[in-house]
Amino acid sequence: MNKLTSGTGHATGKIILIGEHSVVYGEPAVAFPFQAAQVTTTAVPAKEMTIDCTYYKGLLADAPAKLKNIKESIYQTLNYLKKAESFTFTIDSTIPPERGMGSSAAVAVSVIRSLFDYYSYSYTKAELTVLVNRAEKIAHGNPSGIDGAATSGSQPLFFVKGSELETFPMKLENAYLIVADTDIKGQTREAVKDVAHLFDTNKAKISPKIQQLGELTIEAKEAILANDVRRLGTIMNQAQMLLADLTVSHPMIDRLLEAAHKQGALGAKLTGGGRGGCVIALAETPIIAEKIATAMKQHGAVNTWIQTLGDLA
């Protein structure tokens, strides 16, 4: 392993296209790397281990508890490489935290990659996955692995709980995804708990909705492979109606979705746990996508991103 003067690691955001909540009950979900939001970490040798990020600047040993997963990433990677040097880690991210966009996993991926880069270590996908998942266990307790795979990969993912992640090509043409930040922290744990309560107390009503979300997820994958962007938009709208029935929408989410539809969105829905976080909308042209993004900001979104869905390998 040849050392450089510094190491750099990159990672992207993540978007769950469809399958939120139903994935908990064994139904599939589709997610993909969101390249419009990224994180870069630079590792430079230093006398002491320090970190410089949005949350904190100072000694790594004194970092707040919310950075425990990043601290773990650093020490686990150095231990794996059998190195004991100290670094200053500068983390620059455009991925908003606690919005369902894979921020914690992306930061872990970028930190680990910065050390691999510094030591010119040719890592495998499996090696990266193991190290990222260790950090994600600290951040989320029992991660599915989808965040780490999406933030470090380049292809869409088809995921079923307990099964291997399956990648597939993004074949959509004239498809643009708009992501809008509601400026409300996602309430994933509370939302999952509430859906579970609904499921347990009224299984006859809720179970079919969960199953329908699973069926829509399979249809969404088929629509992507068939380059049927209008069908995908319809599926997104149907999924949002079911998610609203599961009580995981929010007045701000509904407001942004209405704004998107008024500007010609083919489909729009929440993404992630709901009750806040982000919403996504689908457009056929960059002009419509820009109009949707502008309208969402006018109706309360604090930030928007646009990504063409034809760019993913």
C-alpha atoms as a PDB file:
ATOM      1  CA  MET A   1       0.000   0.000   0.000  1.00  0.00           C
ATOM      2  CA  ASN A   2       1.518   3.315  -1.088  1.00  0.00           C
ATOM      3  CA  LYS A   3       0.628   6.352   0.995  1.00  0.00           C
ATOM      4  CA  LEU A   4      -0.464   9.658  -0.534  1.00  0.00           C
ATOM      5  CA  THR A   5      -0.310  13.139   0.994  1.00  0.00           C
ATOM      6  CA  SER A   6      -4.065  12.932   1.506  1.00  0.00           C
ATOM      7  CA  GLY A   7      -6.962  10.597   0.807  1.00  0.00           C
ATOM      8  CA  THR A   8     -10.348  11.440  -0.696  1.00  0.00           C
ATOM      9  CA  GLY A   9     -13.594   9.505  -0.482  1.00  0.00           C
ATOM     10  CA  HIS A  10     -16.927  10.162  -2.185  1.00  0.00           C
ATOM     11  CA  ALA A  11     -20.484   8.885  -1.723  1.00  0.00           C
ATOM     12  CA  THR A  12     -23.928   9.838  -2.985  1.00  0.00           C
ATOM     13  CA  GLY A  13     -27.292  10.254  -1.370  1.00  0.00           C
ATOM     14  CA  LYS A  14     -30.027   7.613  -1.540  1.00  0.00           C
ATOM     15  CA  ILE A  15     -33.649   7.733  -2.542  1.00  0.00           C
ATOM     16  CA  ILE A  16     -36.269   5.078  -1.876  1.00  0.00           C
ATOM     17  CA  LEU A  17     -38.437   5.223  -4.961  1.00  0.00           C
ATOM     18  CA  ILE A  18     -41.139   2.930  -3.639  1.00  0.00           C
ATOM     19  CA  GLY A  19     -41.717   0.276  -0.986  1.00  0.00           C
ATOM     20  CA  GLU A  20     -41.474   2.324   2.210  1.00  0.00           C
ATOM     21  CA  HIS A  21     -43.090   0.643   5.204  1.00  0.00           C
ATOM     22  CA  SER A  22     -44.315  -2.384   3.240  1.00  0.00           C
ATOM     23  CA  VAL A  23     -40.684  -3.541   3.083  1.00  0.00           C
ATOM     24  CA  VAL A  24     -40.892  -4.127   6.844  1.00  0.00           C
ATOM     25  CA  TYR A  25     -43.506  -6.824   6.158  1.00  0.00           C
ATOM     26  CA  GLY A  26     -41.498  -8.747   3.580  1.00  0.00           C
ATOM     27  CA  GLU A  27     -42.581  -6.824   0.501  1.00  0.00           C
ATOM     28  CA  PRO A  28     -39.962  -5.450  -1.934  1.00  0.00           C
ATOM     29  CA  ALA A  29     -38.573  -1.912  -2.150  1.00  0.00           C
ATOM     30  CA  VAL A  30     -36.726  -0.058  -4.897  1.00  0.00           C
ATOM     31  CA  ALA A  31     -33.981   2.437  -4.086  1.00  0.00           C
ATOM     32  CA  PHE A  32     -31.136   4.021  -6.009  1.00  0.00           C
ATOM     33  CA  PRO A  33     -28.102   6.292  -5.624  1.00  0.00           C
ATOM     34  CA  PHE A  34     -29.073   9.957  -5.714  1.00  0.00           C
ATOM     35  CA  GLN A  35     -26.113  11.641  -7.350  1.00  0.00           C
ATOM     36  CA  ALA A  36     -27.498  15.172  -7.070  1.00  0.00           C
ATOM     37  CA  ALA A  37     -26.599  15.155  -3.358  1.00  0.00           C
ATOM     38  CA  GLN A  38     -23.136  13.966  -2.346  1.00  0.00           C
ATOM     39  CA  VAL A  39     -20.564  13.862   0.430  1.00  0.00           C
ATOM     40  CA  THR A  40     -16.786  14.129   0.143  1.00  0.00           C
ATOM     41  CA  THR A  41     -14.309  13.340   2.906  1.00  0.00           C
ATOM     42  CA  THR A  42     -10.644  14.350   2.820  1.00  0.00           C
ATOM     43  CA  ALA A  43      -8.217  12.621   5.186  1.00  0.00           C
ATOM     44  CA  VAL A  44      -4.925  14.418   5.897  1.00  0.00           C
ATOM     45  CA  PRO A  45      -2.258  13.063   8.277  1.00  0.00           C
ATOM     46  CA  ALA A  46      -2.171  14.985  11.572  1.00  0.00           C
ATOM     47  CA  LYS A  47      -0.657  14.833  15.047  1.00  0.00           C
ATOM     48  CA  GLU A  48      -4.059  14.123  16.577  1.00  0.00           C
ATOM     49  CA  MET A  49      -7.256  12.573  15.303  1.00  0.00           C
ATOM     50  CA  THR A  50      -9.630  15.422  14.493  1.00  0.00           C
ATOM     51  CA  ILE A  51     -12.812  15.949  12.506  1.00  0.00           C
ATOM     52  CA  ASP A  52     -14.275  18.969  10.743  1.00  0.00           C
ATOM     53  CA  CYS A  53     -17.925  18.721   9.679  1.00  0.00           C
ATOM     54  CA  THR A  54     -21.207  20.602   9.952  1.00  0.00           C
ATOM     55  CA  TYR A  55     -21.948  19.253  13.420  1.00  0.00           C
ATOM     56  CA  TYR A  56     -18.561  19.500  15.033  1.00  0.00           C
ATOM     57  CA  LYS A  57     -14.964  20.627  14.672  1.00  0.00           C
ATOM     58  CA  GLY A  58     -12.339  19.320  17.058  1.00  0.00           C
ATOM     59  CA  LEU A  59     -10.775  16.204  18.521  1.00  0.00           C
ATOM     60  CA  LEU A  60     -12.425  12.988  17.386  1.00  0.00           C
ATOM     61  CA  ALA A  61     -12.292  11.688  20.963  1.00  0.00           C
ATOM     62  CA  ASP A  62     -14.517  14.577  22.084  1.00  0.00           C
ATOM     63  CA  ALA A  63     -16.999  14.301  19.202  1.00  0.00           C
ATOM     64  CA  PRO A  64     -20.717  14.285  20.181  1.00  0.00           C
ATOM     65  CA  ALA A  65     -22.673  11.057  20.413  1.00  0.00           C
ATOM     66  CA  LYS A  66     -24.385  11.661  17.047  1.00  0.00           C
ATOM     67  CA  LEU A  67     -20.979  11.132  15.392  1.00  0.00           C
ATOM     68  CA  LYS A  68     -20.296   7.825  17.147  1.00  0.00           C
ATOM     69  CA  ASN A  69     -20.935   5.880  13.935  1.00  0.00           C
ATOM     70  CA  ILE A  70     -18.369   7.987  12.064  1.00  0.00           C
ATOM     71  CA  LYS A  71     -15.840   7.529  14.851  1.00  0.00           C
ATOM     72  CA  GLU A  72     -16.430   3.790  14.585  1.00  0.00           C
ATOM     73  CA  SER A  73     -15.913   3.923  10.805  1.00  0.00           C
ATOM     74  CA  ILE A  74     -12.536   5.567  11.246  1.00  0.00           C
ATOM     75  CA  TYR A  75     -11.187   3.241  13.922  1.00  0.00           C
ATOM     76  CA  GLN A  76     -12.602   0.081  12.346  1.00  0.00           C
ATOM     77  CA  THR A  77     -11.076   0.931   8.962  1.00  0.00           C
ATOM     78  CA  LEU A  78      -7.674   1.759  10.420  1.00  0.00           C
ATOM     79  CA  ASN A  79      -7.802  -1.470  12.421  1.00  0.00           C
ATOM     80  CA  TYR A  80      -8.748  -3.390   9.288  1.00  0.00           C
ATOM     81  CA  LEU A  81      -5.810  -1.851   7.433  1.00  0.00           C
ATOM     82  CA  LYS A  82      -3.564  -2.494  10.464  1.00  0.00           C
ATOM     83  CA  LYS A  83      -2.637   1.199  10.684  1.00  0.00           C
ATOM     84  CA  ALA A  84      -2.383   3.477  13.708  1.00  0.00           C
ATOM     85  CA  GLU A  85      -1.851   6.929  12.191  1.00  0.00           C
ATOM     86  CA  SER A  86      -3.856  10.032  13.053  1.00  0.00           C
ATOM     87  CA  PHE A  87      -5.745  12.194  10.555  1.00  0.00           C
ATOM     88  CA  THR A  88      -7.824  15.295  10.187  1.00  0.00           C
ATOM     89  CA  PHE A  89     -11.058  14.335   8.443  1.00  0.00           C
ATOM     90  CA  THR A  90     -12.829  17.141   6.609  1.00  0.00           C
ATOM     91  CA  ILE A  91     -16.380  16.150   5.672  1.00  0.00           C
ATOM     92  CA  ASP A  92     -18.272  18.228   3.118  1.00  0.00           C
ATOM     93  CA  SER A  93     -21.856  17.068   2.536  1.00  0.00           C
ATOM     94  CA  THR A  94     -24.894  18.310   0.619  1.00  0.00           C
ATOM     95  CA  ILE A  95     -27.027  15.426   1.882  1.00  0.00           C
ATOM     96  CA  PRO A  96     -29.397  16.707   4.575  1.00  0.00           C
ATOM     97  CA  PRO A  97     -29.406  14.570   7.733  1.00  0.00           C
ATOM     98  CA  GLU A  98     -32.539  12.843   9.054  1.00  0.00           C
ATOM     99  CA  ARG A  99     -34.381  13.198   5.756  1.00  0.00           C
ATOM    100  CA  GLY A 100     -34.324   9.584   4.557  1.00  0.00           C
ATOM    101  CA  MET A 101     -31.551  10.259   2.038  1.00  0.00           C
ATOM    102  CA  GLY A 102     -28.928   7.980   3.564  1.00  0.00           C
ATOM    103  CA  SER A 103     -26.796  10.705   5.134  1.00  0.00           C
ATOM    104  CA  SER A 104     -25.199   8.580   7.856  1.00  0.00           C
ATOM    105  CA  ALA A 105     -24.340   5.731   5.478  1.00  0.00           C
ATOM    106  CA  ALA A 106     -22.983   8.133   2.864  1.00  0.00           C
ATOM    107  CA  VAL A 107     -20.677   9.798   5.370  1.00  0.00           C
ATOM    108  CA  ALA A 108     -19.436   6.397   6.549  1.00  0.00           C
ATOM    109  CA  VAL A 109     -18.792   5.332   2.938  1.00  0.00           C
ATOM    110  CA  SER A 110     -16.860   8.524   2.185  1.00  0.00           C
ATOM    111  CA  VAL A 111     -14.774   8.314   5.373  1.00  0.00           C
ATOM    112  CA  ILE A 112     -13.846   4.672   4.750  1.00  0.00           C
ATOM    113  CA  ARG A 113     -13.022   5.400   1.117  1.00  0.00           C
ATOM    114  CA  SER A 114     -10.809   8.338   2.121  1.00  0.00           C
ATOM    115  CA  LEU A 115      -8.622   5.996   4.175  1.00  0.00           C
ATOM    116  CA  PHE A 116      -8.586   3.364   1.453  1.00  0.00           C
ATOM    117  CA  ASP A 117      -7.535   6.087  -0.974  1.00  0.00           C
ATOM    118  CA  TYR A 118      -4.804   7.417   1.310  1.00  0.00           C
ATOM    119  CA  TYR A 119      -3.232   3.983   1.587  1.00  0.00           C
ATOM    120  CA  SER A 120      -3.949   3.165  -2.096  1.00  0.00           C
ATOM    121  CA  TYR A 121      -5.820   0.096  -0.931  1.00  0.00           C
ATOM    122  CA  SER A 122      -7.772  -1.753  -3.633  1.00  0.00           C
ATOM    123  CA  TYR A 123     -10.863  -2.767  -1.718  1.00  0.00           C
ATOM    124  CA  THR A 124     -13.695  -5.051  -2.730  1.00  0.00           C
ATOM    125  CA  LYS A 125     -17.388  -4.237  -2.552  1.00  0.00           C
ATOM    126  CA  ALA A 126     -17.728  -6.838   0.199  1.00  0.00           C
ATOM    127  CA  GLU A 127     -15.006  -5.225   2.305  1.00  0.00           C
ATOM    128  CA  LEU A 128     -16.639  -1.815   2.051  1.00  0.00           C
ATOM    129  CA  THR A 129     -20.050  -3.267   2.864  1.00  0.00           C
ATOM    130  CA  VAL A 130     -18.856  -4.930   6.055  1.00  0.00           C
ATOM    131  CA  LEU A 131     -17.265  -1.734   7.362  1.00  0.00           C
ATOM    132  CA  VAL A 132     -20.211   0.481   6.417  1.00  0.00           C
ATOM    133  CA  ASN A 133     -22.733  -1.871   8.020  1.00  0.00           C
ATOM    134  CA  ARG A 134     -20.794  -1.808  11.278  1.00  0.00           C
ATOM    135  CA  ALA A 135     -21.191   1.963  11.377  1.00  0.00           C
ATOM    136  CA  GLU A 136     -24.846   1.734  10.355  1.00  0.00           C
ATOM    137  CA  LYS A 137     -25.598  -0.636  13.235  1.00  0.00           C
ATOM    138  CA  ILE A 138     -24.539   2.145  15.591  1.00  0.00           C
ATOM    139  CA  ALA A 139     -26.610   4.726  13.744  1.00  0.00           C
ATOM    140  CA  HIS A 140     -29.762   2.670  13.180  1.00  0.00           C
ATOM    141  CA  GLY A 141     -29.562  -0.478  15.300  1.00  0.00           C
ATOM    142  CA  ASN A 142     -30.529  -3.060  12.688  1.00  0.00           C
ATOM    143  CA  PRO A 143     -29.822  -1.670   9.207  1.00  0.00           C
ATOM    144  CA  SER A 144     -31.150  -3.376   6.094  1.00  0.00           C
ATOM    145  CA  GLY A 145     -27.951  -2.649   4.178  1.00  0.00           C
ATOM    146  CA  ILE A 146     -29.815  -0.766   1.501  1.00  0.00           C
ATOM    147  CA  ASP A 147     -28.428   2.642   2.537  1.00  0.00           C
ATOM    148  CA  GLY A 148     -24.837   1.491   2.385  1.00  0.00           C
ATOM    149  CA  ALA A 149     -25.372  -0.235  -0.962  1.00  0.00           C
ATOM    150  CA  ALA A 150     -27.190   2.730  -2.522  1.00  0.00           C
ATOM    151  CA  THR A 151     -24.797   5.428  -1.306  1.00  0.00           C
ATOM    152  CA  SER A 152     -21.754   3.487  -2.491  1.00  0.00           C
ATOM    153  CA  GLY A 153     -23.136   2.050  -5.722  1.00  0.00           C
ATOM    154  CA  SER A 154     -24.254   3.223  -9.145  1.00  0.00           C
ATOM    155  CA  GLN A 155     -27.331   1.121  -9.948  1.00  0.00           C
ATOM    156  CA  PRO A 156     -30.927   0.865  -8.709  1.00  0.00           C
ATOM    157  CA  LEU A 157     -31.565  -1.749  -6.047  1.00  0.00           C
ATOM    158  CA  PHE A 158     -34.457  -4.179  -5.680  1.00  0.00           C
ATOM    159  CA  PHE A 159     -34.621  -5.246  -2.066  1.00  0.00           C
ATOM    160  CA  VAL A 160     -36.579  -7.843  -0.096  1.00  0.00           C
ATOM    161  CA  LYS A 161     -35.953  -8.194   3.623  1.00  0.00           C
ATOM    162  CA  GLY A 162     -33.754 -11.179   4.342  1.00  0.00           C
ATOM    163  CA  SER A 163     -32.638 -11.574   0.721  1.00  0.00           C
ATOM    164  CA  GLU A 164     -29.596 -10.436  -1.211  1.00  0.00           C
ATOM    165  CA  LEU A 165     -29.791  -6.969  -2.745  1.00  0.00           C
ATOM    166  CA  GLU A 166     -30.459  -7.159  -6.483  1.00  0.00           C
ATOM    167  CA  THR A 167     -29.201  -4.488  -8.865  1.00  0.00           C
ATOM    168  CA  PHE A 168     -30.899  -3.699 -12.151  1.00  0.00           C
ATOM    169  CA  PRO A 169     -30.321  -1.120 -14.902  1.00  0.00           C
ATOM    170  CA  MET A 170     -32.119   2.219 -15.052  1.00  0.00           C
ATOM    171  CA  LYS A 171     -33.481   2.353 -18.597  1.00  0.00           C
ATOM    172  CA  LEU A 172     -35.728   5.410 -18.350  1.00  0.00           C
ATOM    173  CA  GLU A 173     -35.452   8.128 -20.981  1.00  0.00           C
ATOM    174  CA  ASN A 174     -36.890  11.624 -20.611  1.00  0.00           C
ATOM    175  CA  ALA A 175     -37.339  11.086 -16.893  1.00  0.00           C
ATOM    176  CA  TYR A 176     -36.328  13.591 -14.231  1.00  0.00           C
ATOM    177  CA  LEU A 177     -36.682  13.096 -10.500  1.00  0.00           C
ATOM    178  CA  ILE A 178     -37.198  16.127  -8.283  1.00  0.00           C
ATOM    179  CA  VAL A 179     -36.468  15.751  -4.577  1.00  0.00           C
ATOM    180  CA  ALA A 180     -37.693  18.389  -2.126  1.00  0.00           C
ATOM    181  CA  ASP A 181     -36.741  18.785   1.537  1.00  0.00           C
ATOM    182  CA  THR A 182     -39.742  19.583   3.762  1.00  0.00           C
ATOM    183  CA  ASP A 183     -37.396  20.959   6.470  1.00  0.00           C
ATOM    184  CA  ILE A 184     -39.068  18.554   8.884  1.00  0.00           C
ATOM    185  CA  LYS A 185     -37.062  15.723  10.391  1.00  0.00           C
ATOM    186  CA  GLY A 186     -38.362  12.373   9.255  1.00  0.00           C
ATOM    187  CA  GLN A 187     -40.180  10.400  11.957  1.00  0.00           C
ATOM    188  CA  THR A 188     -39.250   6.933  10.735  1.00  0.00           C
ATOM    189  CA  ARG A 189     -39.286   5.063  14.027  1.00  0.00           C
ATOM    190  CA  GLU A 190     -42.590   6.584  15.154  1.00  0.00           C
ATOM    191  CA  ALA A 191     -44.152   6.020  11.731  1.00  0.00           C
ATOM    192  CA  VAL A 192     -43.041   2.372  11.578  1.00  0.00           C
ATOM    193  CA  LYS A 193     -44.383   1.837  15.102  1.00  0.00           C
ATOM    194  CA  ASP A 194     -47.731   3.418  14.226  1.00  0.00           C
ATOM    195  CA  VAL A 195     -48.106   1.351  11.057  1.00  0.00           C
ATOM    196  CA  ALA A 196     -47.325  -1.764  13.096  1.00  0.00           C
ATOM    197  CA  HIS A 197     -50.073  -0.793  15.528  1.00  0.00           C
ATOM    198  CA  LEU A 198     -52.532  -0.354  12.672  1.00  0.00           C
ATOM    199  CA  PHE A 199     -51.468  -3.705  11.235  1.00  0.00           C
ATOM    200  CA  ASP A 200     -51.887  -5.498  14.544  1.00  0.00           C
ATOM    201  CA  THR A 201     -55.244  -3.952  15.422  1.00  0.00           C
ATOM    202  CA  ASN A 202     -56.875  -4.029  11.984  1.00  0.00           C
ATOM    203  CA  LYS A 203     -55.067  -6.624   9.925  1.00  0.00           C
ATOM    204  CA  ALA A 204     -58.020  -7.238   7.605  1.00  0.00           C
ATOM    205  CA  LYS A 205     -57.900  -3.620   6.420  1.00  0.00           C
ATOM    206  CA  ILE A 206     -54.170  -2.873   6.571  1.00  0.00           C
ATOM    207  CA  SER A 207     -52.680  -6.124   5.255  1.00  0.00           C
ATOM    208  CA  PRO A 208     -54.151  -5.650   1.739  1.00  0.00           C
ATOM    209  CA  LYS A 209     -52.683  -2.133   1.586  1.00  0.00           C
ATOM    210  CA  ILE A 210     -49.253  -3.491   2.497  1.00  0.00           C
ATOM    211  CA  GLN A 211     -49.617  -6.159  -0.169  1.00  0.00           C
ATOM    212  CA  GLN A 212     -50.713  -3.565  -2.748  1.00  0.00           C
ATOM    213  CA  LEU A 213     -47.592  -1.509  -2.023  1.00  0.00           C
ATOM    214  CA  GLY A 214     -45.520  -4.610  -2.689  1.00  0.00           C
ATOM    215  CA  GLU A 215     -47.305  -5.230  -5.976  1.00  0.00           C
ATOM    216  CA  LEU A 216     -46.790  -1.602  -7.005  1.00  0.00           C
ATOM    217  CA  THR A 217     -43.087  -1.935  -6.250  1.00  0.00           C
ATOM    218  CA  ILE A 218     -42.769  -4.868  -8.632  1.00  0.00           C
ATOM    219  CA  GLU A 219     -44.713  -2.895 -11.241  1.00  0.00           C
ATOM    220  CA  ALA A 220     -42.403   0.085 -10.719  1.00  0.00           C
ATOM    221  CA  LYS A 221     -39.359  -2.036 -11.479  1.00  0.00           C
ATOM    222  CA  GLU A 222     -41.064  -3.391 -14.595  1.00  0.00           C
ATOM    223  CA  ALA A 223     -41.964   0.143 -15.710  1.00  0.00           C
ATOM    224  CA  ILE A 224     -38.346   1.245 -15.333  1.00  0.00           C
ATOM    225  CA  LEU A 225     -37.074  -1.711 -17.358  1.00  0.00           C
ATOM    226  CA  ALA A 226     -39.717  -1.034 -20.018  1.00  0.00           C
ATOM    227  CA  ASN A 227     -38.853   2.693 -20.179  1.00  0.00           C
ATOM    228  CA  ASP A 228     -42.458   3.542 -19.313  1.00  0.00           C
ATOM    229  CA  VAL A 229     -42.098   6.805 -17.387  1.00  0.00           C
ATOM    230  CA  ARG A 230     -45.814   7.633 -17.455  1.00  0.00           C
ATOM    231  CA  ARG A 231     -46.682   4.261 -15.935  1.00  0.00           C
ATOM    232  CA  LEU A 232     -44.075   4.850 -13.246  1.00  0.00           C
ATOM    233  CA  GLY A 233     -45.672   8.195 -12.431  1.00  0.00           C
ATOM    234  CA  THR A 234     -49.085   6.584 -12.041  1.00  0.00           C
ATOM    235  CA  ILE A 235     -47.598   3.933  -9.755  1.00  0.00           C
ATOM    236  CA  MET A 236     -46.012   6.635  -7.586  1.00  0.00           C
ATOM    237  CA  ASN A 237     -49.374   8.357  -7.180  1.00  0.00           C
ATOM    238  CA  GLN A 238     -51.061   5.087  -6.231  1.00  0.00           C
ATOM    239  CA  ALA A 239     -48.338   4.347  -3.686  1.00  0.00           C
ATOM    240  CA  GLN A 240     -48.753   7.775  -2.093  1.00  0.00           C
ATOM    241  CA  MET A 241     -52.489   7.187  -1.611  1.00  0.00           C
ATOM    242  CA  LEU A 242     -51.728   3.947   0.210  1.00  0.00           C
ATOM    243  CA  LEU A 243     -49.031   5.573   2.347  1.00  0.00           C
ATOM    244  CA  ALA A 244     -51.480   8.312   3.299  1.00  0.00           C
ATOM    245  CA  ASP A 245     -53.961   5.580   4.326  1.00  0.00           C
ATOM    246  CA  LEU A 246     -51.201   4.212   6.564  1.00  0.00           C
ATOM    247  CA  THR A 247     -51.030   7.654   8.279  1.00  0.00           C
ATOM    248  CA  VAL A 248     -47.413   8.378   7.329  1.00  0.00           C
ATOM    249  CA  SER A 249     -48.018  11.468   5.218  1.00  0.00           C
ATOM    250  CA  HIS A 250     -47.968  15.033   6.618  1.00  0.00           C
ATOM    251  CA  PRO A 251     -49.638  18.373   5.762  1.00  0.00           C
ATOM    252  CA  MET A 252     -46.367  19.744   4.392  1.00  0.00           C
ATOM    253  CA  ILE A 253     -45.844  16.620   2.292  1.00  0.00           C
ATOM    254  CA  ASP A 254     -49.364  16.979   0.902  1.00  0.00           C
ATOM    255  CA  ARG A 255     -48.738  20.661   0.174  1.00  0.00           C
ATOM    256  CA  LEU A 256     -45.583  19.970  -1.812  1.00  0.00           C
ATOM    257  CA  LEU A 257     -47.187  17.100  -3.702  1.00  0.00           C
ATOM    258  CA  GLU A 258     -50.098  19.309  -4.722  1.00  0.00           C
ATOM    259  CA  ALA A 259     -47.653  21.968  -5.940  1.00  0.00           C
ATOM    260  CA  ALA A 260     -45.815  19.347  -7.998  1.00  0.00           C
ATOM    261  CA  HIS A 261     -48.982  18.040  -9.617  1.00  0.00           C
ATOM    262  CA  LYS A 262     -50.103  21.553 -10.556  1.00  0.00           C
ATOM    263  CA  GLN A 263     -46.841  21.963 -12.493  1.00  0.00           C
ATOM    264  CA  GLY A 264     -47.289  18.756 -14.465  1.00  0.00           C
ATOM    265  CA  ALA A 265     -45.671  16.039 -12.348  1.00  0.00           C
ATOM    266  CA  LEU A 266     -46.384  12.566 -13.699  1.00  0.00           C
ATOM    267  CA  GLY A 267     -46.233  11.215 -10.184  1.00  0.00           C
ATOM    268  CA  ALA A 268     -45.292  12.376  -6.699  1.00  0.00           C
ATOM    269  CA  LYS A 269     -44.992  10.790  -3.270  1.00  0.00           C
ATOM    270  CA  LEU A 270     -43.153  10.853   0.009  1.00  0.00           C
ATOM    271  CA  THR A 271     -39.857   9.004   0.243  1.00  0.00           C
ATOM    272  CA  GLY A 272     -38.552   7.251   3.328  1.00  0.00           C
ATOM    273  CA  GLY A 273     -40.345   6.976   6.658  1.00  0.00           C
ATOM    274  CA  GLY A 274     -42.659   9.921   6.129  1.00  0.00           C
ATOM    275  CA  ARG A 275     -44.166  12.413   8.611  1.00  0.00           C
ATOM    276  CA  GLY A 276     -41.568  14.828   7.217  1.00  0.00           C
ATOM    277  CA  GLY A 277     -38.305  14.181   5.426  1.00  0.00           C
ATOM    278  CA  CYS A 278     -38.426  14.522   1.645  1.00  0.00           C
ATOM    279  CA  VAL A 279     -40.875  14.158  -1.210  1.00  0.00           C
ATOM    280  CA  ILE A 280     -40.146  13.101  -4.784  1.00  0.00           C
ATOM    281  CA  ALA A 281     -41.802  13.999  -8.081  1.00  0.00           C
ATOM    282  CA  LEU A 282     -41.368  12.697 -11.620  1.00  0.00           C
ATOM    283  CA  ALA A 283     -41.257  14.880 -14.747  1.00  0.00           C
ATOM    284  CA  GLU A 284     -40.775  14.212 -18.463  1.00  0.00           C
ATOM    285  CA  THR A 285     -38.668  17.265 -19.335  1.00  0.00           C
ATOM    286  CA  PRO A 286     -36.023  19.387 -17.593  1.00  0.00           C
ATOM    287  CA  ILE A 287     -38.228  22.472 -18.038  1.00  0.00           C
ATOM    288  CA  ILE A 288     -41.131  20.837 -16.192  1.00  0.00           C
ATOM    289  CA  ALA A 289     -38.724  19.556 -13.561  1.00  0.00           C
ATOM    290  CA  GLU A 290     -37.450  23.088 -12.935  1.00  0.00           C
ATOM    291  CA  LYS A 291     -41.015  24.408 -12.695  1.00  0.00           C
ATOM    292  CA  ILE A 292     -41.869  21.713 -10.165  1.00  0.00           C
ATOM    293  CA  ALA A 293     -38.752  22.463  -8.112  1.00  0.00           C
ATOM    294  CA  THR A 294     -39.540  26.192  -8.115  1.00  0.00           C
ATOM    295  CA  ALA A 295     -43.156  25.592  -7.104  1.00  0.00           C
ATOM    296  CA  MET A 296     -42.098  23.312  -4.266  1.00  0.00           C
ATOM    297  CA  LYS A 297     -39.764  25.976  -2.900  1.00  0.00           C
ATOM    298  CA  GLN A 298     -42.551  28.543  -3.144  1.00  0.00           C
ATOM    299  CA  HIS A 299     -44.727  26.231  -1.068  1.00  0.00           C
ATOM    300  CA  GLY A 300     -42.203  25.640   1.722  1.00  0.00           C
ATOM    301  CA  ALA A 301     -39.440  23.296   0.572  1.00  0.00           C
ATOM    302  CA  VAL A 302     -36.075  24.500   1.886  1.00  0.00           C
ATOM    303  CA  ASN A 303     -34.091  22.788  -0.839  1.00  0.00           C
ATOM    304  CA  THR A 304     -34.637  20.859  -4.049  1.00  0.00           C
ATOM    305  CA  TRP A 305     -32.518  18.649  -6.273  1.00  0.00           C
ATOM    306  CA  ILE A 306     -33.071  17.346  -9.785  1.00  0.00           C
ATOM    307  CA  GLN A 307     -31.552  14.175 -11.209  1.00  0.00           C
ATOM    308  CA  THR A 308     -32.080  12.650 -14.610  1.00  0.00           C
ATOM    309  CA  LEU A 309     -32.935   8.978 -14.273  1.00  0.00           C
ATOM    310  CA  GLY A 310     -31.105   8.073 -17.457  1.00  0.00           C
ATOM    311  CA  ASP A 311     -27.692   8.672 -15.896  1.00  0.00           C
ATOM    312  CA  LEU A 312     -27.537   5.606 -13.690  1.00  0.00           C
ATOM    313  CA  ALA A 313     -25.427   2.775 -15.113  1.00  0.00           C
END
